[in-house]
């Protein structure tokens, strides 16, 4: 499969997607990035044509799949360009900073049957995949409560990775737009219901940067499920992941890699990987396989629209200091 990578300076490319594509045997024929340094760094690892302008790449190269990445505030424009060209693609989350701008792009992709995958990779975690399987078999039960805590170390790593825009709130930097898609989409995916109300609080001042340090989000689904999510850059090092789900049938808890599901009758089922790093490989493999098989991806732009609506509502709630009903901000 002929693959092009747009936005190779994005940290996910070097950490996850490039190694995964190479391991999977994809033919990476072209790359692009506005940064000469990023082109040199990634281009030195592969034999691919290099472009500063992704539009020039798209004009000149015939590819089966574009792996698309950009600063968060530029993603929706990039997605719209790819959809207009009927170019199958993957894109990193959050695909933009305003759901109202992303929604018509999602609608066009769906109407015209364009393959457009979004990297909501938590759907590939061992625990989440098992719970989704139970839901499909009608064995998960009614979701009562969900909790997801995703914390990491300070934002200096984004400077080290050559992505200084991640420290700019006007470009969609900060943990809400970075980690928020994971914790929010997982709630919607497992609870099986849209979010009706959001209450969020943000904390800043731990680091000398303009973005927030942490955001706490409480979501209430249309059928009453409650989801609590915390995202932030508050650890001295590394990552912390905690996921739990309570229904009238099961209780599940995981650290993102291992975990267990306890059923109402007392039976316990241990859960092992894939964990967070493996999830990116599984996601990349699934994108290639789904496109080759002519089926739609596990997560589409419309899934990201739903998560982004909640993120925008959380931003508004934190600004107002009060809960926000999603149907009150439809327009």
C-alpha atoms as a PDB file:
ATOM      1  CA  UNK A   1       0.000   0.000   0.000  1.00  0.00           C
ATOM      2  CA  UNK A   2       1.386   3.390  -1.042  1.00  0.00           C
ATOM      3  CA  UNK A   3       1.317   5.742   1.948  1.00  0.00           C
ATOM      4  CA  UNK A   4       2.119   9.431   2.380  1.00  0.00           C
ATOM      5  CA  UNK A   5       2.681  11.061   5.766  1.00  0.00           C
ATOM      6  CA  UNK A   6       1.588  14.675   6.113  1.00  0.00           C
ATOM      7  CA  UNK A   7       2.903  16.608   9.107  1.00  0.00           C
ATOM      8  CA  UNK A   8       5.853  14.372   9.986  1.00  0.00           C
ATOM      9  CA  UNK A   9       6.933  16.857  12.665  1.00  0.00           C
ATOM     10  CA  UNK A  10       3.993  15.767  14.835  1.00  0.00           C
ATOM     11  CA  UNK A  11       5.359  13.755  17.756  1.00  0.00           C
ATOM     12  CA  UNK A  12       3.013  10.824  17.115  1.00  0.00           C
ATOM     13  CA  UNK A  13       4.716  10.138  13.781  1.00  0.00           C
ATOM     14  CA  UNK A  14       8.184   9.425  15.132  1.00  0.00           C
ATOM     15  CA  UNK A  15       6.952   7.728  18.297  1.00  0.00           C
ATOM     16  CA  UNK A  16       4.248   5.495  16.865  1.00  0.00           C
ATOM     17  CA  UNK A  17       3.156   5.707  13.248  1.00  0.00           C
ATOM     18  CA  UNK A  18       6.469   5.527  11.409  1.00  0.00           C
ATOM     19  CA  UNK A  19       7.668   2.432  13.340  1.00  0.00           C
ATOM     20  CA  UNK A  20       4.241   0.811  12.914  1.00  0.00           C
ATOM     21  CA  UNK A  21       4.084   1.471   9.171  1.00  0.00           C
ATOM     22  CA  UNK A  22       7.608   0.137   8.702  1.00  0.00           C
ATOM     23  CA  UNK A  23       6.844  -3.007  10.705  1.00  0.00           C
ATOM     24  CA  UNK A  24       3.654  -3.537   8.721  1.00  0.00           C
ATOM     25  CA  UNK A  25       5.512  -3.248   5.421  1.00  0.00           C
ATOM     26  CA  UNK A  26       3.739  -0.150   4.096  1.00  0.00           C
ATOM     27  CA  UNK A  27       5.411   1.627   1.186  1.00  0.00           C
ATOM     28  CA  UNK A  28       5.986   5.173   2.448  1.00  0.00           C
ATOM     29  CA  UNK A  29       6.454   7.098  -0.786  1.00  0.00           C
ATOM     30  CA  UNK A  30       6.223  10.751   0.342  1.00  0.00           C
ATOM     31  CA  UNK A  31       6.285  12.961   3.422  1.00  0.00           C
ATOM     32  CA  UNK A  32       5.578  16.619   4.073  1.00  0.00           C
ATOM     33  CA  UNK A  33       6.049  19.189   6.810  1.00  0.00           C
ATOM     34  CA  UNK A  34       6.532  22.970   6.920  1.00  0.00           C
ATOM     35  CA  UNK A  35       9.623  22.367   9.073  1.00  0.00           C
ATOM     36  CA  UNK A  36      12.838  21.580   7.210  1.00  0.00           C
ATOM     37  CA  UNK A  37      14.242  20.081  10.407  1.00  0.00           C
ATOM     38  CA  UNK A  38      11.329  17.656  10.687  1.00  0.00           C
ATOM     39  CA  UNK A  39      11.667  16.654   7.040  1.00  0.00           C
ATOM     40  CA  UNK A  40      15.378  16.008   7.477  1.00  0.00           C
ATOM     41  CA  UNK A  41      14.862  14.046  10.700  1.00  0.00           C
ATOM     42  CA  UNK A  42      12.169  11.732   9.362  1.00  0.00           C
ATOM     43  CA  UNK A  43      13.407  11.750   5.779  1.00  0.00           C
ATOM     44  CA  UNK A  44      16.778  10.383   6.896  1.00  0.00           C
ATOM     45  CA  UNK A  45      15.014   7.226   8.082  1.00  0.00           C
ATOM     46  CA  UNK A  46      13.100   6.395   4.900  1.00  0.00           C
ATOM     47  CA  UNK A  47      13.437   6.703   1.132  1.00  0.00           C
ATOM     48  CA  UNK A  48      10.558   9.057   0.383  1.00  0.00           C
ATOM     49  CA  UNK A  49       9.951  12.229  -1.592  1.00  0.00           C
ATOM     50  CA  UNK A  50       9.944  15.287   0.689  1.00  0.00           C
ATOM     51  CA  UNK A  51       7.652  18.303   0.410  1.00  0.00           C
ATOM     52  CA  UNK A  52       7.288  21.451   2.500  1.00  0.00           C
ATOM     53  CA  UNK A  53       3.680  21.960   1.258  1.00  0.00           C
ATOM     54  CA  UNK A  54       1.260  19.059   1.666  1.00  0.00           C
ATOM     55  CA  UNK A  55      -0.857  20.328  -1.235  1.00  0.00           C
ATOM     56  CA  UNK A  56       2.100  19.925  -3.564  1.00  0.00           C
ATOM     57  CA  UNK A  57       2.512  16.379  -2.276  1.00  0.00           C
ATOM     58  CA  UNK A  58      -1.150  15.623  -2.960  1.00  0.00           C
ATOM     59  CA  UNK A  59      -0.919  17.168  -6.442  1.00  0.00           C
ATOM     60  CA  UNK A  60       2.155  15.156  -7.443  1.00  0.00           C
ATOM     61  CA  UNK A  61       1.870  11.816  -5.662  1.00  0.00           C
ATOM     62  CA  UNK A  62      -0.586   8.976  -6.236  1.00  0.00           C
ATOM     63  CA  UNK A  63      -1.130   7.346  -2.861  1.00  0.00           C
ATOM     64  CA  UNK A  64      -3.634   4.920  -1.378  1.00  0.00           C
ATOM     65  CA  UNK A  65      -3.591   6.439   2.113  1.00  0.00           C
ATOM     66  CA  UNK A  66      -2.537   9.694   3.725  1.00  0.00           C
ATOM     67  CA  UNK A  67      -1.464   9.646   7.363  1.00  0.00           C
ATOM     68  CA  UNK A  68      -2.392  13.219   8.273  1.00  0.00           C
ATOM     69  CA  UNK A  69      -1.112  15.315  11.199  1.00  0.00           C
ATOM     70  CA  UNK A  70      -1.030  19.039  11.955  1.00  0.00           C
ATOM     71  CA  UNK A  71      -1.307  21.535  14.816  1.00  0.00           C
ATOM     72  CA  UNK A  72      -4.778  21.167  16.293  1.00  0.00           C
ATOM     73  CA  UNK A  73      -6.142  24.453  14.923  1.00  0.00           C
ATOM     74  CA  UNK A  74      -5.102  23.472  11.373  1.00  0.00           C
ATOM     75  CA  UNK A  75      -6.527  19.948  11.358  1.00  0.00           C
ATOM     76  CA  UNK A  76     -10.056  20.682  10.173  1.00  0.00           C
ATOM     77  CA  UNK A  77      -8.760  22.560   7.124  1.00  0.00           C
ATOM     78  CA  UNK A  78      -6.454  19.656   6.294  1.00  0.00           C
ATOM     79  CA  UNK A  79      -9.299  17.161   6.708  1.00  0.00           C
ATOM     80  CA  UNK A  80     -11.559  19.258   4.456  1.00  0.00           C
ATOM     81  CA  UNK A  81      -8.868  19.301   1.776  1.00  0.00           C
ATOM     82  CA  UNK A  82      -8.462  15.522   1.899  1.00  0.00           C
ATOM     83  CA  UNK A  83     -12.214  14.939   1.796  1.00  0.00           C
ATOM     84  CA  UNK A  84     -12.592  17.334  -1.153  1.00  0.00           C
ATOM     85  CA  UNK A  85      -9.956  15.295  -3.015  1.00  0.00           C
ATOM     86  CA  UNK A  86     -11.670  12.005  -2.092  1.00  0.00           C
ATOM     87  CA  UNK A  87      -8.374  10.921  -0.581  1.00  0.00           C
ATOM     88  CA  UNK A  88      -8.569   8.092   1.985  1.00  0.00           C
ATOM     89  CA  UNK A  89      -6.817   9.171   5.179  1.00  0.00           C
ATOM     90  CA  UNK A  90      -6.116   8.747   8.844  1.00  0.00           C
ATOM     91  CA  UNK A  91      -5.865  11.784  11.100  1.00  0.00           C
ATOM     92  CA  UNK A  92      -4.661  12.287  14.633  1.00  0.00           C
ATOM     93  CA  UNK A  93      -7.188  13.586  17.133  1.00  0.00           C
ATOM     94  CA  UNK A  94      -8.738  16.099  17.834  1.00  0.00           C
ATOM     95  CA  UNK A  95      -9.188  17.002  14.122  1.00  0.00           C
ATOM     96  CA  UNK A  96      -9.755  20.633  15.027  1.00  0.00           C
ATOM     97  CA  UNK A  97     -10.803  22.938  17.813  1.00  0.00           C
ATOM     98  CA  UNK A  98     -14.483  23.603  16.981  1.00  0.00           C
ATOM     99  CA  UNK A  99     -17.027  20.870  16.311  1.00  0.00           C
ATOM    100  CA  UNK A 100     -19.169  23.220  14.220  1.00  0.00           C
ATOM    101  CA  UNK A 101     -16.377  23.509  11.671  1.00  0.00           C
ATOM    102  CA  UNK A 102     -15.652  19.780  11.672  1.00  0.00           C
ATOM    103  CA  UNK A 103     -19.266  18.595  11.380  1.00  0.00           C
ATOM    104  CA  UNK A 104     -19.792  19.496   7.681  1.00  0.00           C
ATOM    105  CA  UNK A 105     -16.505  17.786   6.819  1.00  0.00           C
ATOM    106  CA  UNK A 106     -17.699  14.655   8.608  1.00  0.00           C
ATOM    107  CA  UNK A 107     -21.065  14.822   6.829  1.00  0.00           C
ATOM    108  CA  UNK A 108     -19.429  15.113   3.402  1.00  0.00           C
ATOM    109  CA  UNK A 109     -17.067  12.219   4.122  1.00  0.00           C
ATOM    110  CA  UNK A 110     -19.966  10.032   5.243  1.00  0.00           C
ATOM    111  CA  UNK A 111     -22.269  10.979   2.363  1.00  0.00           C
ATOM    112  CA  UNK A 112     -19.586  10.345  -0.239  1.00  0.00           C
ATOM    113  CA  UNK A 113     -18.222   7.201   1.398  1.00  0.00           C
ATOM    114  CA  UNK A 114     -14.697   8.515   1.926  1.00  0.00           C
ATOM    115  CA  UNK A 115     -12.446   6.469   4.192  1.00  0.00           C
ATOM    116  CA  UNK A 116     -11.561   8.858   7.016  1.00  0.00           C
ATOM    117  CA  UNK A 117     -10.206   7.310  10.209  1.00  0.00           C
ATOM    118  CA  UNK A 118      -9.489   9.171  13.426  1.00  0.00           C
ATOM    119  CA  UNK A 119      -6.971   8.010  16.011  1.00  0.00           C
ATOM    120  CA  UNK A 120      -9.266   7.363  18.946  1.00  0.00           C
ATOM    121  CA  UNK A 121      -6.877   4.589  19.868  1.00  0.00           C
ATOM    122  CA  UNK A 122      -8.327   3.839  23.306  1.00  0.00           C
ATOM    123  CA  UNK A 123     -10.885   1.720  21.467  1.00  0.00           C
ATOM    124  CA  UNK A 124      -8.025  -0.740  20.918  1.00  0.00           C
ATOM    125  CA  UNK A 125      -7.024  -1.076  24.595  1.00  0.00           C
ATOM    126  CA  UNK A 126      -7.598  -4.591  25.879  1.00  0.00           C
ATOM    127  CA  UNK A 127     -10.106  -3.498  28.539  1.00  0.00           C
ATOM    128  CA  UNK A 128     -12.072  -1.158  26.277  1.00  0.00           C
ATOM    129  CA  UNK A 129     -12.211  -3.693  23.441  1.00  0.00           C
ATOM    130  CA  UNK A 130     -13.511  -6.376  25.816  1.00  0.00           C
ATOM    131  CA  UNK A 131     -16.185  -4.080  27.243  1.00  0.00           C
ATOM    132  CA  UNK A 132     -17.236  -3.062  23.723  1.00  0.00           C
ATOM    133  CA  UNK A 133     -17.524  -6.760  22.845  1.00  0.00           C
ATOM    134  CA  UNK A 134     -19.792  -7.316  25.861  1.00  0.00           C
ATOM    135  CA  UNK A 135     -21.930  -4.356  24.765  1.00  0.00           C
ATOM    136  CA  UNK A 136     -22.284  -5.820  21.276  1.00  0.00           C
ATOM    137  CA  UNK A 137     -23.426  -9.111  22.849  1.00  0.00           C
ATOM    138  CA  UNK A 138     -25.892  -7.179  25.051  1.00  0.00           C
ATOM    139  CA  UNK A 139     -24.020  -8.366  28.162  1.00  0.00           C
ATOM    140  CA  UNK A 140     -22.560  -5.081  29.396  1.00  0.00           C
ATOM    141  CA  UNK A 141     -25.719  -3.835  31.064  1.00  0.00           C
ATOM    142  CA  UNK A 142     -26.771  -0.275  31.782  1.00  0.00           C
ATOM    143  CA  UNK A 143     -23.821   1.997  32.472  1.00  0.00           C
ATOM    144  CA  UNK A 144     -24.035   3.826  35.804  1.00  0.00           C
ATOM    145  CA  UNK A 145     -20.595   5.302  36.307  1.00  0.00           C
ATOM    146  CA  UNK A 146     -17.371   5.759  34.363  1.00  0.00           C
ATOM    147  CA  UNK A 147     -14.032   7.192  35.450  1.00  0.00           C
ATOM    148  CA  UNK A 148     -10.917   7.848  33.407  1.00  0.00           C
ATOM    149  CA  UNK A 149      -7.828   9.596  34.760  1.00  0.00           C
ATOM    150  CA  UNK A 150      -5.060  10.287  32.238  1.00  0.00           C
ATOM    151  CA  UNK A 151      -2.162  12.264  33.655  1.00  0.00           C
ATOM    152  CA  UNK A 152       1.335  12.904  32.326  1.00  0.00           C
ATOM    153  CA  UNK A 153       4.448  14.879  33.139  1.00  0.00           C
ATOM    154  CA  UNK A 154       4.937  18.556  32.313  1.00  0.00           C
ATOM    155  CA  UNK A 155       4.641  20.048  28.819  1.00  0.00           C
ATOM    156  CA  UNK A 156       8.399  20.464  28.283  1.00  0.00           C
ATOM    157  CA  UNK A 157       8.333  17.215  26.295  1.00  0.00           C
ATOM    158  CA  UNK A 158       6.412  18.926  23.478  1.00  0.00           C
ATOM    159  CA  UNK A 159       9.220  21.449  23.101  1.00  0.00           C
ATOM    160  CA  UNK A 160      11.702  18.574  23.100  1.00  0.00           C
ATOM    161  CA  UNK A 161       9.638  16.869  20.377  1.00  0.00           C
ATOM    162  CA  UNK A 162       9.620  19.982  18.185  1.00  0.00           C
ATOM    163  CA  UNK A 163       5.931  20.853  18.720  1.00  0.00           C
ATOM    164  CA  UNK A 164       5.966  24.229  20.530  1.00  0.00           C
ATOM    165  CA  UNK A 165       2.407  24.950  19.335  1.00  0.00           C
ATOM    166  CA  UNK A 166       1.238  22.499  21.995  1.00  0.00           C
ATOM    167  CA  UNK A 167       1.941  25.225  24.556  1.00  0.00           C
ATOM    168  CA  UNK A 168      -0.295  27.738  22.761  1.00  0.00           C
ATOM    169  CA  UNK A 169      -3.972  27.704  23.869  1.00  0.00           C
ATOM    170  CA  UNK A 170      -4.959  29.532  20.673  1.00  0.00           C
ATOM    171  CA  UNK A 171      -3.729  26.562  18.632  1.00  0.00           C
ATOM    172  CA  UNK A 172      -5.522  23.938  20.677  1.00  0.00           C
ATOM    173  CA  UNK A 173      -2.655  23.142  22.987  1.00  0.00           C
ATOM    174  CA  UNK A 174      -3.224  21.831  26.490  1.00  0.00           C
ATOM    175  CA  UNK A 175      -4.435  18.549  27.981  1.00  0.00           C
ATOM    176  CA  UNK A 176      -8.127  19.128  27.176  1.00  0.00           C
ATOM    177  CA  UNK A 177      -7.566  19.039  23.426  1.00  0.00           C
ATOM    178  CA  UNK A 178      -4.700  16.536  23.636  1.00  0.00           C
ATOM    179  CA  UNK A 179      -5.960  13.896  26.095  1.00  0.00           C
ATOM    180  CA  UNK A 180      -9.622  14.941  26.160  1.00  0.00           C
ATOM    181  CA  UNK A 181     -10.600  13.038  22.989  1.00  0.00           C
ATOM    182  CA  UNK A 182      -9.451   9.751  24.532  1.00  0.00           C
ATOM    183  CA  UNK A 183     -11.291  10.026  27.831  1.00  0.00           C
ATOM    184  CA  UNK A 184     -14.465  11.513  26.339  1.00  0.00           C
ATOM    185  CA  UNK A 185     -14.770   9.185  23.350  1.00  0.00           C
ATOM    186  CA  UNK A 186     -14.275   6.137  25.566  1.00  0.00           C
ATOM    187  CA  UNK A 187     -17.228   7.241  27.716  1.00  0.00           C
ATOM    188  CA  UNK A 188     -19.500   7.796  24.711  1.00  0.00           C
ATOM    189  CA  UNK A 189     -18.311   4.550  23.092  1.00  0.00           C
ATOM    190  CA  UNK A 190     -18.953   2.367  26.150  1.00  0.00           C
ATOM    191  CA  UNK A 191     -22.001   4.124  27.596  1.00  0.00           C
ATOM    192  CA  UNK A 192     -23.693   3.994  24.211  1.00  0.00           C
ATOM    193  CA  UNK A 193     -25.347   7.369  24.653  1.00  0.00           C
ATOM    194  CA  UNK A 194     -24.628  10.997  23.753  1.00  0.00           C
ATOM    195  CA  UNK A 195     -23.530  13.424  26.445  1.00  0.00           C
ATOM    196  CA  UNK A 196     -26.279  15.797  27.565  1.00  0.00           C
ATOM    197  CA  UNK A 197     -24.533  17.898  30.233  1.00  0.00           C
ATOM    198  CA  UNK A 198     -20.953  18.845  31.036  1.00  0.00           C
ATOM    199  CA  UNK A 199     -19.363  20.511  34.032  1.00  0.00           C
ATOM    200  CA  UNK A 200     -15.645  21.246  33.889  1.00  0.00           C
ATOM    201  CA  UNK A 201     -12.990  22.977  35.931  1.00  0.00           C
ATOM    202  CA  UNK A 202      -9.457  23.796  34.899  1.00  0.00           C
ATOM    203  CA  UNK A 203      -6.346  24.359  36.981  1.00  0.00           C
ATOM    204  CA  UNK A 204      -3.340  26.414  35.862  1.00  0.00           C
ATOM    205  CA  UNK A 205      -0.158  27.819  37.351  1.00  0.00           C
ATOM    206  CA  UNK A 206       1.854  24.673  38.024  1.00  0.00           C
ATOM    207  CA  UNK A 207       4.015  25.340  34.976  1.00  0.00           C
ATOM    208  CA  UNK A 208       5.037  28.710  33.575  1.00  0.00           C
ATOM    209  CA  UNK A 209       3.025  28.275  30.377  1.00  0.00           C
ATOM    210  CA  UNK A 210      -0.222  29.647  28.928  1.00  0.00           C
ATOM    211  CA  UNK A 211      -2.045  26.300  28.729  1.00  0.00           C
ATOM    212  CA  UNK A 212      -3.898  24.713  31.629  1.00  0.00           C
ATOM    213  CA  UNK A 213      -2.221  22.090  33.801  1.00  0.00           C
ATOM    214  CA  UNK A 214      -5.297  19.972  34.411  1.00  0.00           C
ATOM    215  CA  UNK A 215      -8.980  19.751  33.529  1.00  0.00           C
ATOM    216  CA  UNK A 216     -11.638  17.829  35.457  1.00  0.00           C
ATOM    217  CA  UNK A 217     -14.779  16.971  33.470  1.00  0.00           C
ATOM    218  CA  UNK A 218     -18.076  15.529  34.682  1.00  0.00           C
ATOM    219  CA  UNK A 219     -20.368  14.267  31.926  1.00  0.00           C
ATOM    220  CA  UNK A 220     -23.965  13.131  32.190  1.00  0.00           C
ATOM    221  CA  UNK A 221     -25.310  10.985  29.375  1.00  0.00           C
ATOM    222  CA  UNK A 222     -28.778  11.274  27.928  1.00  0.00           C
ATOM    223  CA  UNK A 223     -29.788   8.063  29.748  1.00  0.00           C
ATOM    224  CA  UNK A 224     -28.229   9.152  33.042  1.00  0.00           C
ATOM    225  CA  UNK A 225     -24.775   7.557  32.906  1.00  0.00           C
ATOM    226  CA  UNK A 226     -22.199   9.652  34.767  1.00  0.00           C
ATOM    227  CA  UNK A 227     -18.652   9.971  33.474  1.00  0.00           C
ATOM    228  CA  UNK A 228     -15.799  11.625  35.355  1.00  0.00           C
ATOM    229  CA  UNK A 229     -12.600  12.372  33.456  1.00  0.00           C
ATOM    230  CA  UNK A 230      -9.368  14.018  34.554  1.00  0.00           C
ATOM    231  CA  UNK A 231      -6.616  15.008  32.142  1.00  0.00           C
ATOM    232  CA  UNK A 232      -3.471  16.892  32.935  1.00  0.00           C
ATOM    233  CA  UNK A 233       0.261  17.435  32.956  1.00  0.00           C
ATOM    234  CA  UNK A 234       0.724  17.109  36.711  1.00  0.00           C
ATOM    235  CA  UNK A 235       3.163  14.233  37.261  1.00  0.00           C
ATOM    236  CA  UNK A 236       6.898  14.583  37.847  1.00  0.00           C
ATOM    237  CA  UNK A 237       7.502  11.900  35.202  1.00  0.00           C
ATOM    238  CA  UNK A 238       5.736   9.238  33.166  1.00  0.00           C
ATOM    239  CA  UNK A 239       2.016   8.598  32.824  1.00  0.00           C
ATOM    240  CA  UNK A 240      -0.872   7.513  35.014  1.00  0.00           C
ATOM    241  CA  UNK A 241      -3.945   5.806  33.594  1.00  0.00           C
ATOM    242  CA  UNK A 242      -6.932   4.655  35.591  1.00  0.00           C
ATOM    243  CA  UNK A 243     -10.135   3.420  33.955  1.00  0.00           C
ATOM    244  CA  UNK A 244     -13.237   2.071  35.682  1.00  0.00           C
ATOM    245  CA  UNK A 245     -16.740   1.275  34.513  1.00  0.00           C
ATOM    246  CA  UNK A 246     -19.730   0.267  36.621  1.00  0.00           C
ATOM    247  CA  UNK A 247     -22.947  -1.111  35.172  1.00  0.00           C
ATOM    248  CA  UNK A 248     -25.865  -3.096  36.581  1.00  0.00           C
ATOM    249  CA  UNK A 249     -24.046  -6.213  35.358  1.00  0.00           C
ATOM    250  CA  UNK A 250     -20.275  -5.676  35.647  1.00  0.00           C
ATOM    251  CA  UNK A 251     -17.535  -3.705  37.344  1.00  0.00           C
ATOM    252  CA  UNK A 252     -14.351  -3.201  35.348  1.00  0.00           C
ATOM    253  CA  UNK A 253     -11.086  -1.564  36.360  1.00  0.00           C
ATOM    254  CA  UNK A 254      -7.831  -1.141  34.468  1.00  0.00           C
ATOM    255  CA  UNK A 255      -4.545   0.729  34.433  1.00  0.00           C
ATOM    256  CA  UNK A 256      -4.773   0.903  30.645  1.00  0.00           C
ATOM    257  CA  UNK A 257      -2.810  -2.325  30.153  1.00  0.00           C
ATOM    258  CA  UNK A 258      -4.019  -4.956  32.607  1.00  0.00           C
ATOM    259  CA  UNK A 259      -7.209  -5.123  34.608  1.00  0.00           C
ATOM    260  CA  UNK A 260     -10.208  -7.210  35.516  1.00  0.00           C
ATOM    261  CA  UNK A 261     -13.927  -7.436  34.891  1.00  0.00           C
ATOM    262  CA  UNK A 262     -16.114  -8.688  37.729  1.00  0.00           C
ATOM    263  CA  UNK A 263     -19.594  -9.924  36.851  1.00  0.00           C
ATOM    264  CA  UNK A 264     -22.629  -9.671  39.109  1.00  0.00           C
ATOM    265  CA  UNK A 265     -22.532 -13.379  39.907  1.00  0.00           C
ATOM    266  CA  UNK A 266     -18.967 -13.083  41.221  1.00  0.00           C
ATOM    267  CA  UNK A 267     -17.047 -14.334  38.194  1.00  0.00           C
ATOM    268  CA  UNK A 268     -13.852 -12.388  37.533  1.00  0.00           C
ATOM    269  CA  UNK A 269     -12.186 -12.187  34.122  1.00  0.00           C
ATOM    270  CA  UNK A 270      -8.583 -10.902  33.941  1.00  0.00           C
ATOM    271  CA  UNK A 271      -7.769  -8.531  31.075  1.00  0.00           C
ATOM    272  CA  UNK A 272      -4.370  -8.161  29.454  1.00  0.00           C
ATOM    273  CA  UNK A 273      -3.127  -5.878  26.644  1.00  0.00           C
ATOM    274  CA  UNK A 274      -2.866  -4.366  24.235  1.00  0.00           C
ATOM    275  CA  UNK A 275      -1.762  -1.415  26.320  1.00  0.00           C
ATOM    276  CA  UNK A 276      -1.415   2.244  25.280  1.00  0.00           C
ATOM    277  CA  UNK A 277       1.736   1.880  23.152  1.00  0.00           C
ATOM    278  CA  UNK A 278       0.518  -1.337  21.506  1.00  0.00           C
ATOM    279  CA  UNK A 279      -2.824   0.319  20.812  1.00  0.00           C
ATOM    280  CA  UNK A 280      -1.183   2.640  18.272  1.00  0.00           C
ATOM    281  CA  UNK A 281       0.258  -0.341  16.403  1.00  0.00           C
ATOM    282  CA  UNK A 282      -3.092  -2.142  16.496  1.00  0.00           C
ATOM    283  CA  UNK A 283      -4.818   1.008  15.284  1.00  0.00           C
ATOM    284  CA  UNK A 284      -2.370   1.495  12.390  1.00  0.00           C
ATOM    285  CA  UNK A 285      -2.701  -2.149  11.356  1.00  0.00           C
ATOM    286  CA  UNK A 286      -6.496  -1.871  11.468  1.00  0.00           C
ATOM    287  CA  UNK A 287      -6.447   1.277   9.313  1.00  0.00           C
ATOM    288  CA  UNK A 288      -4.424  -0.487   6.620  1.00  0.00           C
ATOM    289  CA  UNK A 289      -6.529  -3.654   6.815  1.00  0.00           C
ATOM    290  CA  UNK A 290      -9.856  -1.799   6.804  1.00  0.00           C
ATOM    291  CA  UNK A 291      -8.926   0.312   3.807  1.00  0.00           C
ATOM    292  CA  UNK A 292      -7.663  -2.732   1.892  1.00  0.00           C
ATOM    293  CA  UNK A 293     -10.861  -4.635   2.713  1.00  0.00           C
ATOM    294  CA  UNK A 294     -13.129  -1.760   1.709  1.00  0.00           C
ATOM    295  CA  UNK A 295     -14.696  -1.349   5.140  1.00  0.00           C
ATOM    296  CA  UNK A 296     -15.058   1.786   7.225  1.00  0.00           C
ATOM    297  CA  UNK A 297     -12.670   2.367  10.157  1.00  0.00           C
ATOM    298  CA  UNK A 298     -13.524   1.666  13.783  1.00  0.00           C
ATOM    299  CA  UNK A 299     -13.636   5.410  14.567  1.00  0.00           C
ATOM    300  CA  UNK A 300     -14.669   8.018  11.993  1.00  0.00           C
ATOM    301  CA  UNK A 301     -14.774  11.798  11.816  1.00  0.00           C
ATOM    302  CA  UNK A 302     -18.327  11.736  13.158  1.00  0.00           C
ATOM    303  CA  UNK A 303     -17.069  10.050  16.330  1.00  0.00           C
ATOM    304  CA  UNK A 304     -14.567  12.871  16.712  1.00  0.00           C
ATOM    305  CA  UNK A 305     -17.323  15.459  16.157  1.00  0.00           C
ATOM    306  CA  UNK A 306     -19.235  14.026  19.116  1.00  0.00           C
ATOM    307  CA  UNK A 307     -16.161  14.103  21.352  1.00  0.00           C
ATOM    308  CA  UNK A 308     -15.221  17.598  20.200  1.00  0.00           C
ATOM    309  CA  UNK A 309     -18.713  18.872  21.042  1.00  0.00           C
ATOM    310  CA  UNK A 310     -18.113  17.754  24.625  1.00  0.00           C
ATOM    311  CA  UNK A 311     -14.627  19.302  24.668  1.00  0.00           C
ATOM    312  CA  UNK A 312     -16.023  22.634  23.486  1.00  0.00           C
ATOM    313  CA  UNK A 313     -18.748  22.418  26.124  1.00  0.00           C
ATOM    314  CA  UNK A 314     -16.123  21.644  28.773  1.00  0.00           C
ATOM    315  CA  UNK A 315     -14.136  24.706  27.713  1.00  0.00           C
ATOM    316  CA  UNK A 316     -17.272  26.840  27.968  1.00  0.00           C
ATOM    317  CA  UNK A 317     -18.229  25.344  31.326  1.00  0.00           C
ATOM    318  CA  UNK A 318     -14.780  26.059  32.768  1.00  0.00           C
ATOM    319  CA  UNK A 319     -15.023  29.657  31.541  1.00  0.00           C
ATOM    320  CA  UNK A 320     -18.499  30.149  33.029  1.00  0.00           C
ATOM    321  CA  UNK A 321     -17.939  28.148  36.205  1.00  0.00           C
ATOM    322  CA  UNK A 322     -21.213  26.297  35.771  1.00  0.00           C
ATOM    323  CA  UNK A 323     -22.653  23.231  33.997  1.00  0.00           C
ATOM    324  CA  UNK A 324     -23.442  23.464  30.293  1.00  0.00           C
ATOM    325  CA  UNK A 325     -26.277  21.652  28.515  1.00  0.00           C
ATOM    326  CA  UNK A 326     -25.055  20.548  25.097  1.00  0.00           C
ATOM    327  CA  UNK A 327     -28.367  21.250  23.398  1.00  0.00           C
ATOM    328  CA  UNK A 328     -28.007  24.887  24.495  1.00  0.00           C
ATOM    329  CA  UNK A 329     -24.881  25.376  22.350  1.00  0.00           C
ATOM    330  CA  UNK A 330     -25.996  23.639  19.164  1.00  0.00           C
ATOM    331  CA  UNK A 331     -25.703  26.830  17.110  1.00  0.00           C
END
